């Protein structure tokens, strides 16, 4: 019986070194069905094939774009009917936010071994539900799904890291440290240099039932993950899980300092902070002129007359690997 289906994208950056180990591991474990795609456009066909073997767990092995494409196809394609298998994500991307939220950290092969261990027993205690973020921007294309969106200064910083720091070939951790230093020089000290992140564009954010915020923001995050950046956890403990969680930090030194201190102390969202807005909503509208947002690694742009609309999807089962 095939317990685990593994979907790999050999073209993702992390798989250039990892994939030979993954292939070797799968060759030694016959209860893994390994399907490799050459492009994200093939993920739909891959899931259609995987659905025929009815695995207990679906594992995604690829970068942020692969994970986003797989979640979108899984939700919209309905290949498994009303009972899709729980999804596990190997820690193989640049940021690994989804994998970290599900307890997958460190060596991807160790995470795959943990998946096999859980698949051999009762999965129920380890399955958690998460809603996805559905993003549409007024075009005829179907919505794109993901779990973490960054906008305003955060999107500019992510793009800066992707285009200016990652090409240097440095370890991910050191790349993120350099990006943090550049962010400090740009946003905190106000330096305007060509090699630093740009000044964020004005953005208007509307949350249904909670009104409207407008201005230049240092950070704009929307997520359905339990864990936010900087080690913080989702705001408003005890609230309905899966609703869109919004964090906006105004572009002021005092506001950014308050948010940073609250985040490292694990208290972000537990009390009101001036210049820091933490809310939940079922519908979030982002408007601006050429304001970029990034959903799980993919870039989108809000333009005049074409705002970005975010809504939650129905819950999707995921497999938590942490004990």
Protein backbone atom coordinates (compact mmCIF):
# COMPACT_ATOMS: atom_id res chain seq x y z
CA UNK A 1 0.00 0.00 0.00
CA UNK A 2 1.27 3.49 -0.89
CA UNK A 3 1.05 5.57 2.25
CA UNK A 4 2.82 8.72 1.07
CA UNK A 5 2.78 10.60 -2.24
CA UNK A 6 5.74 12.92 -2.75
CA UNK A 7 5.50 15.73 -5.30
CA UNK A 8 8.91 17.20 -6.22
CA UNK A 9 9.98 20.05 -8.46
CA UNK A 10 13.58 19.39 -9.56
CA UNK A 11 13.91 22.98 -10.81
CA UNK A 12 13.47 24.55 -7.38
CA UNK A 13 16.70 25.98 -5.99
CA UNK A 14 16.80 23.75 -2.93
CA UNK A 15 16.35 20.57 -4.95
CA UNK A 16 19.53 21.07 -6.97
CA UNK A 17 21.46 19.56 -4.07
CA UNK A 18 18.66 17.74 -2.25
CA UNK A 19 16.94 15.75 -4.99
CA UNK A 20 19.57 12.96 -5.33
CA UNK A 21 19.10 12.22 -1.61
CA UNK A 22 15.33 12.30 -2.00
CA UNK A 23 15.45 9.87 -4.92
CA UNK A 24 17.73 7.53 -3.00
CA UNK A 25 15.44 7.67 0.05
CA UNK A 26 12.35 6.89 -2.04
CA UNK A 27 14.12 3.97 -3.72
CA UNK A 28 14.61 2.41 -0.28
CA UNK A 29 10.99 2.95 0.79
CA UNK A 30 8.45 1.33 -1.48
CA UNK A 31 5.50 2.89 0.34
CA UNK A 32 6.41 6.29 -1.18
CA UNK A 33 5.08 7.24 -4.60
CA UNK A 34 7.44 9.89 -5.98
CA UNK A 35 6.23 12.14 -8.80
CA UNK A 36 8.56 14.76 -10.30
CA UNK A 37 7.41 17.72 -12.39
CA UNK A 38 9.56 19.87 -14.62
CA UNK A 39 7.31 22.93 -14.37
CA UNK A 40 4.54 24.14 -12.09
CA UNK A 41 2.13 23.88 -15.04
CA UNK A 42 2.39 20.08 -14.69
CA UNK A 43 1.23 20.00 -11.07
CA UNK A 44 -2.42 19.55 -12.02
CA UNK A 45 -1.64 16.44 -14.05
CA UNK A 46 0.57 15.20 -11.21
CA UNK A 47 -2.22 15.54 -8.65
CA UNK A 48 -4.66 13.80 -11.00
CA UNK A 49 -2.30 10.82 -11.13
CA UNK A 50 -1.59 10.90 -7.39
CA UNK A 51 -5.33 10.88 -6.63
CA UNK A 52 -5.62 7.46 -8.30
CA UNK A 53 -3.42 5.84 -5.67
CA UNK A 54 -5.30 7.50 -2.79
CA UNK A 55 -2.32 8.23 -0.47
CA UNK A 56 -2.67 8.89 3.25
CA UNK A 57 -0.41 11.96 3.01
CA UNK A 58 0.62 14.33 0.21
CA UNK A 59 4.12 15.78 0.65
CA UNK A 60 5.29 18.82 -1.32
CA UNK A 61 9.01 19.12 -2.02
CA UNK A 62 9.89 22.41 -3.69
CA UNK A 63 10.24 26.13 -3.26
CA UNK A 64 7.58 28.67 -2.37
CA UNK A 65 6.24 28.78 -5.93
CA UNK A 66 5.83 25.00 -6.03
CA UNK A 67 3.97 24.96 -2.71
CA UNK A 68 1.68 27.78 -3.81
CA UNK A 69 0.90 26.14 -7.17
CA UNK A 70 0.22 22.77 -5.51
CA UNK A 71 -2.12 24.29 -2.91
CA UNK A 72 -3.96 26.22 -5.63
CA UNK A 73 -4.42 23.12 -7.78
CA UNK A 74 -5.36 20.97 -4.81
CA UNK A 75 -8.08 23.40 -3.78
CA UNK A 76 -9.44 24.34 -7.19
CA UNK A 77 -9.00 21.03 -9.00
CA UNK A 78 -10.88 18.88 -6.47
CA UNK A 79 -8.85 15.86 -7.57
CA UNK A 80 -9.54 14.09 -4.28
CA UNK A 81 -13.22 15.03 -4.03
CA UNK A 82 -14.31 16.18 -0.59
CA UNK A 83 -11.57 14.24 1.25
CA UNK A 84 -8.10 15.43 0.22
CA UNK A 85 -5.18 13.88 2.09
CA UNK A 86 -3.39 16.03 4.68
CA UNK A 87 -0.54 18.03 3.18
CA UNK A 88 3.01 18.08 4.53
CA UNK A 89 5.66 20.53 3.31
CA UNK A 90 9.37 19.74 3.35
CA UNK A 91 11.66 22.57 4.58
CA UNK A 92 13.17 23.25 1.17
CA UNK A 93 12.41 26.91 0.33
CA UNK A 94 14.24 30.14 1.12
CA UNK A 95 12.01 31.13 4.03
CA UNK A 96 10.12 27.89 4.85
CA UNK A 97 7.32 29.72 6.68
CA UNK A 98 4.69 27.10 5.88
CA UNK A 99 7.01 24.21 6.75
CA UNK A 100 8.01 25.87 10.03
CA UNK A 101 4.38 26.47 10.96
CA UNK A 102 3.77 22.74 10.52
CA UNK A 103 6.79 21.71 12.59
CA UNK A 104 9.09 20.78 9.69
CA UNK A 105 12.53 22.24 10.35
CA UNK A 106 16.10 21.24 9.64
CA UNK A 107 16.95 18.36 7.30
CA UNK A 108 14.23 17.65 4.69
CA UNK A 109 15.05 13.93 4.70
CA UNK A 110 14.49 13.81 8.46
CA UNK A 111 11.13 15.51 7.89
CA UNK A 112 10.28 12.90 5.24
CA UNK A 113 11.18 10.12 7.69
CA UNK A 114 8.83 11.71 10.23
CA UNK A 115 6.04 11.76 7.64
CA UNK A 116 6.53 8.02 7.01
CA UNK A 117 6.46 7.37 10.75
CA UNK A 118 3.17 9.22 11.17
CA UNK A 119 1.63 7.66 8.04
CA UNK A 120 2.16 4.21 9.53
CA UNK A 121 -0.10 5.07 12.48
CA UNK A 122 -3.29 7.02 13.20
CA UNK A 123 -2.93 10.42 11.56
CA UNK A 124 -5.87 12.07 13.28
CA UNK A 125 -3.96 13.51 16.29
CA UNK A 126 -1.46 15.15 13.93
CA UNK A 127 -3.83 16.70 11.38
CA UNK A 128 -4.57 20.43 11.64
CA UNK A 129 -6.83 22.62 9.52
CA UNK A 130 -5.73 25.83 7.87
CA UNK A 131 -7.65 28.13 5.59
CA UNK A 132 -5.79 29.48 2.58
CA UNK A 133 -5.62 33.07 1.36
CA UNK A 134 -7.47 33.51 -1.94
CA UNK A 135 -5.99 36.43 -3.91
CA UNK A 136 -7.72 38.04 -6.89
CA UNK A 137 -6.94 41.36 -8.57
CA UNK A 138 -9.85 42.05 -10.90
CA UNK A 139 -8.54 40.04 -13.87
CA UNK A 140 -10.22 37.11 -15.58
CA UNK A 141 -7.68 34.69 -14.12
CA UNK A 142 -8.83 32.41 -11.28
CA UNK A 143 -7.70 33.36 -7.75
CA UNK A 144 -4.26 32.30 -6.55
CA UNK A 145 -4.00 30.62 -3.16
CA UNK A 146 -1.34 30.81 -0.48
CA UNK A 147 -0.80 31.20 3.25
CA UNK A 148 1.46 34.23 3.76
CA UNK A 149 1.31 37.63 2.08
CA UNK A 150 3.74 40.49 2.54
CA UNK A 151 3.11 44.02 1.32
CA UNK A 152 4.27 47.63 1.60
CA UNK A 153 7.84 47.87 2.95
CA UNK A 154 7.92 44.14 3.68
CA UNK A 155 7.31 43.27 0.01
CA UNK A 156 10.02 45.72 -1.06
CA UNK A 157 12.41 44.13 1.43
CA UNK A 158 11.62 40.60 0.21
CA UNK A 159 12.23 41.69 -3.39
CA UNK A 160 15.48 43.40 -2.33
CA UNK A 161 16.66 40.19 -0.68
CA UNK A 162 15.64 38.09 -3.69
CA UNK A 163 17.25 40.29 -6.36
CA UNK A 164 20.24 41.82 -4.54
CA UNK A 165 21.24 39.45 -1.72
CA UNK A 166 20.38 35.88 -2.79
CA UNK A 167 22.41 36.17 -6.06
CA UNK A 168 25.53 36.61 -3.92
CA UNK A 169 25.30 32.89 -3.12
CA UNK A 170 25.49 33.34 0.65
CA UNK A 171 23.82 31.01 3.17
CA UNK A 172 20.16 31.83 3.72
CA UNK A 173 20.67 32.83 7.36
CA UNK A 174 23.48 35.27 6.48
CA UNK A 175 21.44 36.64 3.56
CA UNK A 176 18.58 37.40 5.94
CA UNK A 177 20.96 39.15 8.36
CA UNK A 178 22.28 41.38 5.55
CA UNK A 179 18.72 42.15 4.51
CA UNK A 180 17.83 43.11 8.09
CA UNK A 181 20.84 45.46 8.21
CA UNK A 182 19.78 47.06 4.91
CA UNK A 183 16.24 47.41 6.24
CA UNK A 184 17.57 49.13 9.36
CA UNK A 185 19.64 51.58 7.32
CA UNK A 186 16.75 52.34 4.98
CA UNK A 187 13.71 52.50 7.26
CA UNK A 188 15.16 53.32 10.65
CA UNK A 189 17.96 55.72 9.70
CA UNK A 190 16.20 56.98 6.56
CA UNK A 191 19.19 56.54 4.23
CA UNK A 192 18.41 56.74 0.49
CA UNK A 193 21.06 54.78 -1.41
CA UNK A 194 20.79 52.73 -4.61
CA UNK A 195 21.78 49.46 -2.90
CA UNK A 196 19.17 49.79 -0.12
CA UNK A 197 15.46 48.83 -0.22
CA UNK A 198 13.30 51.57 -1.83
CA UNK A 199 10.84 53.84 -0.05
CA UNK A 200 7.46 52.01 0.14
CA UNK A 201 4.56 53.26 -1.98
CA UNK A 202 1.39 54.60 -0.31
CA UNK A 203 -1.13 51.81 0.31
CA UNK A 204 -4.77 51.75 1.38
CA UNK A 205 -5.94 48.66 3.27
CA UNK A 206 -9.61 48.01 4.03
CA UNK A 207 -10.78 45.28 6.40
CA UNK A 208 -14.45 44.40 6.25
CA UNK A 209 -16.21 45.45 9.45
CA UNK A 210 -13.04 47.21 10.72
CA UNK A 211 -12.67 50.26 8.48
CA UNK A 212 -9.77 51.57 6.42
CA UNK A 213 -6.08 52.32 6.95
CA UNK A 214 -4.04 54.47 4.57
CA UNK A 215 -0.40 55.55 4.41
CA UNK A 216 3.18 54.38 3.94
CA UNK A 217 3.63 51.23 6.03
CA UNK A 218 6.86 49.55 7.05
CA UNK A 219 5.17 46.15 7.21
CA UNK A 220 1.96 44.69 5.90
CA UNK A 221 1.37 40.99 6.56
CA UNK A 222 -1.67 38.81 6.00
CA UNK A 223 -1.51 35.16 6.98
CA UNK A 224 -3.50 32.10 7.98
CA UNK A 225 -0.44 30.54 9.63
CA UNK A 226 -0.31 30.23 13.40
CA UNK A 227 3.21 31.63 13.57
CA UNK A 228 4.26 35.04 12.31
CA UNK A 229 7.76 36.33 11.65
CA UNK A 230 10.20 37.09 14.47
CA UNK A 231 8.98 34.08 16.43
CA UNK A 232 5.62 35.63 17.24
CA UNK A 233 2.37 33.70 17.16
CA UNK A 234 -0.94 34.52 15.58
CA UNK A 235 -2.76 37.40 17.27
CA UNK A 236 -5.89 37.28 19.36
CA UNK A 237 -5.52 33.92 21.11
CA UNK A 238 -8.72 31.91 21.22
CA UNK A 239 -10.18 33.56 18.14
CA UNK A 240 -11.41 31.50 15.22
CA UNK A 241 -8.43 29.80 13.57
CA UNK A 242 -7.98 30.28 9.87
CA UNK A 243 -9.51 33.76 9.53
CA UNK A 244 -7.28 36.24 7.72
CA UNK A 245 -4.86 37.74 10.22
CA UNK A 246 -3.61 41.22 9.36
CA UNK A 247 -0.57 42.97 10.80
CA UNK A 248 0.29 46.53 9.73
CA UNK A 249 3.13 48.59 11.19
CA UNK A 250 3.24 52.28 10.37
CA UNK A 251 6.46 53.64 8.95
CA UNK A 252 7.55 55.44 12.11
CA UNK A 253 10.55 54.62 14.24
CA UNK A 254 8.51 54.34 17.45
CA UNK A 255 5.89 52.10 15.81
CA UNK A 256 8.51 49.76 14.34
CA UNK A 257 10.33 49.57 17.68
CA UNK A 258 7.09 48.72 19.53
CA UNK A 259 6.24 45.99 17.02
CA UNK A 260 9.74 44.50 17.13
CA UNK A 261 9.88 44.39 20.94
CA UNK A 262 6.37 42.92 21.19
CA UNK A 263 7.24 40.27 18.57
CA UNK A 264 10.45 39.06 20.25
CA UNK A 265 8.61 38.93 23.59
CA UNK A 266 5.78 36.89 22.05
CA UNK A 267 3.19 39.57 22.88
CA UNK A 268 2.44 40.90 19.42
CA UNK A 269 -1.32 41.31 19.07
CA UNK A 270 -2.08 40.73 22.75
CA UNK A 271 -2.59 44.45 23.48
CA UNK A 272 -3.01 47.64 21.49
CA UNK A 273 0.14 49.46 20.40
CA UNK A 274 0.20 52.91 18.83
CA UNK A 275 1.05 52.60 15.13
CA UNK A 276 0.68 48.79 15.16
CA UNK A 277 -2.57 47.38 13.81
CA UNK A 278 -3.45 43.71 14.38
CA UNK A 279 -6.84 42.62 13.13
CA UNK A 280 -8.81 39.70 11.71
CA UNK A 281 -11.21 39.84 8.81
CA UNK A 282 -13.01 37.74 6.24
CA UNK A 283 -12.22 40.19 3.45
CA UNK A 284 -9.22 42.49 2.99
CA UNK A 285 -8.83 44.99 0.15
CA UNK A 286 -5.41 46.40 -0.78
CA UNK A 287 -5.33 49.44 -3.03
CA UNK A 288 -2.46 51.51 -4.36
CA UNK A 289 -0.64 52.68 -7.47
CA UNK A 290 1.91 49.99 -8.38
CA UNK A 291 2.04 48.69 -4.81
CA UNK A 292 3.63 45.24 -4.70
CA UNK A 293 2.53 42.31 -2.57
CA UNK A 294 4.10 38.86 -2.42
CA UNK A 295 2.00 35.76 -1.77
CA UNK A 296 4.17 32.76 -0.86
CA UNK A 297 6.99 33.98 -3.10
CA UNK A 298 4.91 35.15 -6.10
CA UNK A 299 4.69 38.86 -6.91
CA UNK A 300 1.39 40.66 -7.53
CA UNK A 301 0.70 44.36 -8.00
CA UNK A 302 -2.20 46.55 -6.98
CA UNK A 303 -2.84 49.21 -9.62
CA UNK A 304 -5.35 52.02 -9.97
CA UNK A 305 -8.73 50.41 -10.70
CA UNK A 306 -7.40 46.92 -9.95
CA UNK A 307 -7.20 46.46 -6.17
CA UNK A 308 -6.13 43.17 -4.63
CA UNK A 309 -8.90 41.30 -2.82
CA UNK A 310 -8.08 38.68 -0.18
CA UNK A 311 -10.56 36.13 1.16
CA UNK A 312 -10.19 32.91 3.17
CA UNK A 313 -10.96 29.53 1.60
CA UNK A 314 -12.58 26.54 3.20
CA UNK A 315 -10.23 24.65 5.58
CA UNK A 316 -7.53 22.39 4.13
CA UNK A 317 -5.99 19.53 6.19
CA UNK A 318 -2.27 19.71 6.91
CA UNK A 319 0.04 17.30 8.71
CA UNK A 320 1.90 18.73 11.70
CA UNK A 321 5.26 17.01 12.10
CA UNK A 322 6.19 18.36 15.53
CA UNK A 323 5.72 15.93 18.39
